[in-house]
Amino acid sequence: MTRTITLVFDGGSRGNPGEGYGSYLLDFGGGNGLRSGRSSRLAPSQVVRLRLGDRMTNNEAEYDTLIAALEALLAELQRAGEKPQSFALEVRGDSQLVMRQLTGEWRTHEPRLAQRRDKARRLLSRFARYQLVHQPRAASLALLGH
């Protein structure tokens, strides 16, 4: 049986470009509503905040936050002795650009974003399956606080 992990992410910049920031939350409980789910070997959910550097666009910060969250999740699974292909992943975010570029619905003209899109796709492909869910900005604010 495939277990589900939910990843919620949001990134932005103060100025565009400007100082990049992001945050994400991992829910190992697999429920429809996010909660502090626990697994016998996986860490409980918590919001992780990131400082991403200067001269970043909002879209670059969104991608970099997603990539950081995926890399952290893969490292956590490895530490717990779990295989990513044993999990389904639900990714929630409020960036239509990121979600639609990842699905191929929108083209990616900017080379810096195309590199990030390709890296995120490679990381996502390590899971049994994944689903990208666009959520309203208010939902991201409620869960992540920015």
Protein backbone atom coordinates (compact mmCIF):
# COMPACT_ATOMS: atom_id res chain seq x y z
CA MET A 1 0.00 0.00 0.00
CA THR A 2 1.29 3.44 -0.96
CA ARG A 3 1.36 6.01 1.82
CA THR A 4 0.75 9.70 1.12
CA ILE A 5 2.87 12.67 2.15
CA THR A 6 1.57 16.22 1.72
CA LEU A 7 4.01 19.04 0.99
CA VAL A 8 2.85 22.66 1.15
CA PHE A 9 5.23 25.37 -0.07
CA ASP A 10 5.32 29.09 -0.69
CA GLY A 11 8.09 31.44 -1.72
CA GLY A 12 8.48 35.08 -2.56
CA SER A 13 10.81 38.03 -2.62
CA ARG A 14 10.92 41.40 -0.95
CA GLY A 15 11.17 43.41 -4.16
CA ASN A 16 11.11 41.70 -7.53
CA PRO A 17 13.95 40.92 -7.77
CA GLY A 18 14.88 41.17 -4.14
CA GLU A 19 15.58 39.14 -1.02
CA GLY A 20 14.16 35.66 -1.55
CA TYR A 21 12.37 33.73 1.18
CA GLY A 22 10.21 30.66 1.45
CA SER A 23 8.61 28.17 3.77
CA TYR A 24 7.23 24.68 3.57
CA LEU A 25 5.42 22.09 5.62
CA LEU A 26 5.57 18.30 5.34
CA ASP A 27 2.63 16.22 6.57
CA PHE A 28 3.43 12.53 6.96
CA GLY A 29 -0.09 11.82 8.23
CA GLY A 30 -1.62 11.63 4.76
CA GLY A 31 -4.93 13.21 5.75
CA ASN A 32 -6.96 15.68 3.73
CA GLY A 33 -6.46 18.41 6.35
CA LEU A 34 -2.92 19.13 7.39
CA ARG A 35 -2.03 18.12 10.89
CA SER A 36 1.07 17.10 12.75
CA GLY A 37 1.06 13.56 11.49
CA ARG A 38 3.57 11.08 12.84
CA SER A 39 4.98 7.89 11.48
CA SER A 40 7.05 5.51 13.53
CA ARG A 41 10.26 6.67 11.87
CA LEU A 42 9.46 10.04 10.31
CA ALA A 43 9.74 13.41 12.01
CA PRO A 44 6.55 15.31 12.93
CA SER A 45 5.36 18.13 10.71
CA GLN A 46 6.62 21.65 11.26
CA VAL A 47 6.95 24.79 9.18
CA VAL A 48 10.46 25.26 7.82
CA ARG A 49 11.50 28.81 6.92
CA LEU A 50 14.16 29.59 4.32
CA ARG A 51 16.27 32.59 3.39
CA LEU A 52 17.15 32.20 -0.26
CA GLY A 53 19.45 35.10 -1.06
CA ASP A 54 19.33 38.41 -2.89
CA ARG A 55 18.31 39.38 -6.41
CA MET A 56 15.68 36.65 -6.72
CA THR A 57 12.35 36.96 -8.45
CA ASN A 58 9.16 35.74 -6.81
CA ASN A 59 9.00 32.84 -9.27
CA GLU A 60 12.61 31.80 -8.60
CA ALA A 61 11.88 31.83 -4.86
CA GLU A 62 8.77 29.68 -5.39
CA TYR A 63 10.78 27.09 -7.33
CA ASP A 64 13.74 27.18 -4.93
CA THR A 65 11.42 26.64 -1.96
CA LEU A 66 9.79 23.64 -3.65
CA ILE A 67 13.18 22.17 -4.55
CA ALA A 68 14.50 22.66 -0.99
CA ALA A 69 11.38 20.99 0.41
CA LEU A 70 11.71 18.02 -1.96
CA GLU A 71 15.40 17.60 -1.15
CA ALA A 72 14.67 17.77 2.60
CA LEU A 73 11.85 15.24 2.22
CA LEU A 74 14.06 12.81 0.30
CA ALA A 75 16.80 13.16 2.94
CA GLU A 76 14.26 12.53 5.73
CA LEU A 77 12.98 9.41 3.99
CA GLN A 78 16.53 8.14 3.57
CA ARG A 79 17.30 8.77 7.28
CA ALA A 80 14.14 6.84 8.19
CA GLY A 81 15.14 3.93 5.94
CA GLU A 82 12.16 4.53 3.63
CA LYS A 83 12.11 4.41 -0.16
CA PRO A 84 10.53 7.41 -1.97
CA GLN A 85 8.85 5.07 -4.45
CA SER A 86 6.77 3.72 -1.54
CA PHE A 87 5.04 7.09 -1.20
CA ALA A 88 2.56 9.18 -3.12
CA LEU A 89 3.18 12.91 -2.82
CA GLU A 90 0.58 15.66 -2.82
CA VAL A 91 2.21 19.03 -3.49
CA ARG A 92 0.16 22.12 -2.61
CA GLY A 93 1.10 25.66 -3.54
CA ASP A 94 -0.45 28.94 -4.56
CA SER A 95 1.82 29.64 -7.54
CA GLN A 96 -0.12 28.90 -10.71
CA LEU A 97 3.04 29.55 -12.71
CA VAL A 98 5.04 26.85 -10.92
CA MET A 99 2.20 24.31 -10.92
CA ARG A 100 1.32 24.83 -14.58
CA GLN A 101 4.93 24.85 -15.74
CA LEU A 102 5.57 21.60 -13.88
CA THR A 103 2.61 19.92 -15.58
CA GLY A 104 3.60 21.31 -18.97
CA GLU A 105 0.36 23.25 -19.27
CA TRP A 106 2.39 26.47 -19.53
CA ARG A 107 5.68 26.85 -21.36
CA THR A 108 8.79 27.98 -19.52
CA HIS A 109 10.57 30.66 -21.55
CA GLU A 110 12.99 31.93 -18.88
CA PRO A 111 16.12 29.67 -18.80
CA ARG A 112 16.61 30.11 -15.03
CA LEU A 113 13.05 28.92 -14.41
CA ALA A 114 13.39 26.07 -16.93
CA GLN A 115 16.42 24.74 -15.01
CA ARG A 116 14.48 24.87 -11.76
CA ARG A 117 11.41 23.26 -13.36
CA ASP A 118 13.54 20.40 -14.68
CA LYS A 119 15.20 19.85 -11.30
CA ALA A 120 11.83 19.82 -9.51
CA ARG A 121 10.48 17.31 -12.05
CA ARG A 122 13.49 15.01 -11.48
CA LEU A 123 12.93 15.12 -7.72
CA LEU A 124 9.18 14.52 -8.07
CA SER A 125 9.80 11.54 -10.34
CA ARG A 126 11.43 9.65 -7.45
CA PHE A 127 8.03 9.11 -5.80
CA ALA A 128 5.50 6.41 -6.71
CA ARG A 129 3.26 9.18 -7.97
CA TYR A 130 2.62 12.83 -7.28
CA GLN A 131 -0.26 15.24 -7.59
CA LEU A 132 0.08 19.00 -7.92
CA VAL A 133 -2.72 20.94 -6.24
CA HIS A 134 -3.12 24.67 -6.71
CA GLN A 135 -4.54 26.18 -3.54
CA PRO A 136 -5.76 29.70 -2.77
CA ARG A 137 -3.24 32.15 -1.33
CA ALA A 138 -5.29 32.30 1.90
CA ALA A 139 -4.70 28.57 2.48
CA SER A 140 -0.94 29.05 2.16
CA LEU A 141 -1.05 32.00 4.56
CA ALA A 142 -3.05 30.00 7.11
CA LEU A 143 -0.62 27.08 7.04
CA LEU A 144 2.72 28.80 6.53
CA GLY A 145 2.21 32.27 7.95
CA HIS A 146 3.37 34.40 5.01
